[in-house]
Protein backbone atom coordinates (compact mmCIF):
# COMPACT_ATOMS: atom_id res chain seq x y z
CA UNK A 1 0.00 0.00 0.00
CA UNK A 2 1.39 3.44 -0.89
CA UNK A 3 2.19 5.91 1.88
CA UNK A 4 -0.93 8.08 1.87
CA UNK A 5 -1.18 10.95 4.32
CA UNK A 6 -3.32 13.97 5.06
CA UNK A 7 -2.19 17.24 6.56
CA UNK A 8 -4.50 19.98 7.68
CA UNK A 9 -5.03 22.75 10.17
CA UNK A 10 -8.21 23.26 12.14
CA UNK A 11 -9.52 25.96 14.43
CA UNK A 12 -10.11 25.44 18.13
CA UNK A 13 -13.54 23.93 17.46
CA UNK A 14 -12.58 21.98 14.32
CA UNK A 15 -13.15 24.77 11.81
CA UNK A 16 -11.75 23.97 8.35
CA UNK A 17 -13.19 26.40 5.86
CA UNK A 18 -15.27 29.48 5.23
CA UNK A 19 -16.72 30.33 1.82
CA UNK A 20 -14.19 28.12 0.02
CA UNK A 21 -11.12 29.44 1.83
CA UNK A 22 -9.29 28.88 5.10
CA UNK A 23 -11.21 30.84 7.75
CA UNK A 24 -7.95 32.39 9.03
CA UNK A 25 -6.56 33.17 5.57
CA UNK A 26 -4.33 36.21 5.74
CA UNK A 27 -3.71 35.87 9.49
CA UNK A 28 -0.14 36.87 10.29
CA UNK A 29 0.24 35.54 13.83
CA UNK A 30 3.20 33.25 14.51
CA UNK A 31 1.11 30.05 14.71
CA UNK A 32 -0.51 30.73 11.32
CA UNK A 33 2.77 31.58 9.58
CA UNK A 34 4.50 28.54 11.11
CA UNK A 35 1.68 26.28 9.95
CA UNK A 36 1.99 27.40 6.32
CA UNK A 37 5.78 27.09 6.40
CA UNK A 38 5.54 23.61 7.91
CA UNK A 39 3.02 22.48 5.29
CA UNK A 40 5.35 23.45 2.45
CA UNK A 41 8.36 21.91 4.20
CA UNK A 42 6.68 18.57 4.98
CA UNK A 43 5.10 18.13 1.54
CA UNK A 44 8.28 19.07 -0.36
CA UNK A 45 9.29 16.35 -2.81
CA UNK A 46 5.99 14.53 -2.51
CA UNK A 47 2.68 14.34 -4.36
CA UNK A 48 -0.18 16.60 -3.27
CA UNK A 49 -3.56 15.56 -4.62
CA UNK A 50 -6.43 17.92 -3.94
CA UNK A 51 -9.69 19.20 -5.26
CA UNK A 52 -9.38 21.77 -8.05
CA UNK A 53 -9.80 24.82 -5.80
CA UNK A 54 -7.17 23.65 -3.30
CA UNK A 55 -4.76 22.58 -6.04
CA UNK A 56 -5.17 25.94 -7.76
CA UNK A 57 -4.36 27.76 -4.51
CA UNK A 58 -0.84 26.26 -4.33
CA UNK A 59 1.51 29.13 -5.20
CA UNK A 60 3.84 28.89 -8.17
CA UNK A 61 6.98 28.76 -6.00
CA UNK A 62 5.69 25.58 -4.33
CA UNK A 63 4.95 23.77 -7.59
CA UNK A 64 8.65 23.49 -8.39
CA UNK A 65 9.37 21.02 -5.59
CA UNK A 66 6.22 18.93 -5.28
CA UNK A 67 3.78 17.30 -7.70
CA UNK A 68 0.42 19.06 -7.45
CA UNK A 69 -2.54 17.20 -8.95
CA UNK A 70 -6.13 18.42 -9.19
CA UNK A 71 -8.51 15.52 -8.71
CA UNK A 72 -12.17 15.27 -9.68
CA UNK A 73 -15.05 13.68 -7.80
CA UNK A 74 -15.67 11.19 -10.63
CA UNK A 75 -12.21 9.65 -10.26
CA UNK A 76 -11.89 6.54 -8.11
CA UNK A 77 -9.43 7.23 -5.25
CA UNK A 78 -7.65 3.90 -5.80
CA UNK A 79 -7.04 4.77 -9.46
CA UNK A 80 -5.65 8.20 -8.58
CA UNK A 81 -3.31 6.72 -5.96
CA UNK A 82 -2.14 4.05 -8.42
CA UNK A 83 -0.68 6.76 -10.69
CA UNK A 84 2.07 7.48 -8.14
CA UNK A 85 3.67 4.16 -7.16
CA UNK A 86 6.47 4.46 -4.63
CA UNK A 87 5.65 8.09 -3.81
CA UNK A 88 4.42 9.65 -0.59
CA UNK A 89 1.00 11.10 -1.35
CA UNK A 90 -0.63 13.88 0.64
CA UNK A 91 -4.37 14.28 0.27
CA UNK A 92 -5.25 17.95 0.45
CA UNK A 93 -8.27 19.71 1.39
CA UNK A 94 -11.85 19.81 1.78
CA UNK A 95 -14.43 17.60 3.41
CA UNK A 96 -15.54 15.97 0.15
CA UNK A 97 -11.98 14.96 -0.72
CA UNK A 98 -11.17 13.67 2.76
CA UNK A 99 -14.43 11.74 2.95
CA UNK A 100 -13.59 9.98 -0.34
CA UNK A 101 -9.94 9.30 0.52
CA UNK A 102 -10.17 8.68 4.30
CA UNK A 103 -10.21 4.87 3.97
CA UNK A 104 -6.84 5.06 2.19
CA UNK A 105 -5.12 7.59 4.48
CA UNK A 106 -2.65 5.96 6.86
CA UNK A 107 -1.46 9.06 8.72
CA UNK A 108 -3.22 12.29 9.68
CA UNK A 109 -1.17 15.35 10.62
CA UNK A 110 -3.62 17.81 12.19
CA UNK A 111 -2.56 21.16 13.62
CA UNK A 112 -4.92 23.07 15.88
CA UNK A 113 -4.62 26.80 15.31
CA UNK A 114 -5.74 29.59 17.67
CA UNK A 115 -8.77 30.46 15.55
CA UNK A 116 -12.22 30.50 17.11
CA UNK A 117 -14.25 32.35 14.51
CA UNK A 118 -16.81 31.64 11.86
CA UNK A 119 -16.71 28.56 9.60
CA UNK A 120 -18.94 26.63 7.23
CA UNK A 121 -16.74 23.52 6.91
CA UNK A 122 -15.68 21.37 9.86
CA UNK A 123 -13.23 18.55 10.54
CA UNK A 124 -14.97 15.18 10.85
CA UNK A 125 -13.29 12.90 13.45
CA UNK A 126 -14.70 9.89 11.57
CA UNK A 127 -12.00 10.49 8.94
CA UNK A 128 -9.35 9.55 11.50
CA UNK A 129 -10.74 6.08 12.07
CA UNK A 130 -11.61 5.32 8.44
CA UNK A 131 -7.96 4.65 7.53
CA UNK A 132 -6.91 1.06 7.31
CA UNK A 133 -10.24 -0.07 5.92
CA UNK A 134 -8.81 -0.40 2.45
């Protein structure tokens, strides 16, 4: 089985998104800056598969040292994963993507950020226990 991982940040109550963006987007506090830096460091050299909006949000500088792939809901997760044998694959963002890929994810790296504001997307703890089913 390939090494399939997920990495995300959540707010203090599990907030993930707000109107298609990170709820804390643009925050400049040390925890927020460190989280972004860590994401790009940890995923360097690996494959990042994500929904089109998340894949599109990866800045140009980061595309040079990781493989960024936009996935579509009609693609079978097993078929997408099979395209990258021997690679570490990170599954990026959004509840729909994580729901589809959770049974394949072997490791979750979740950072809790000091955000306690509005959100319309939330982290689902069921994703954590879905891994290993495949």
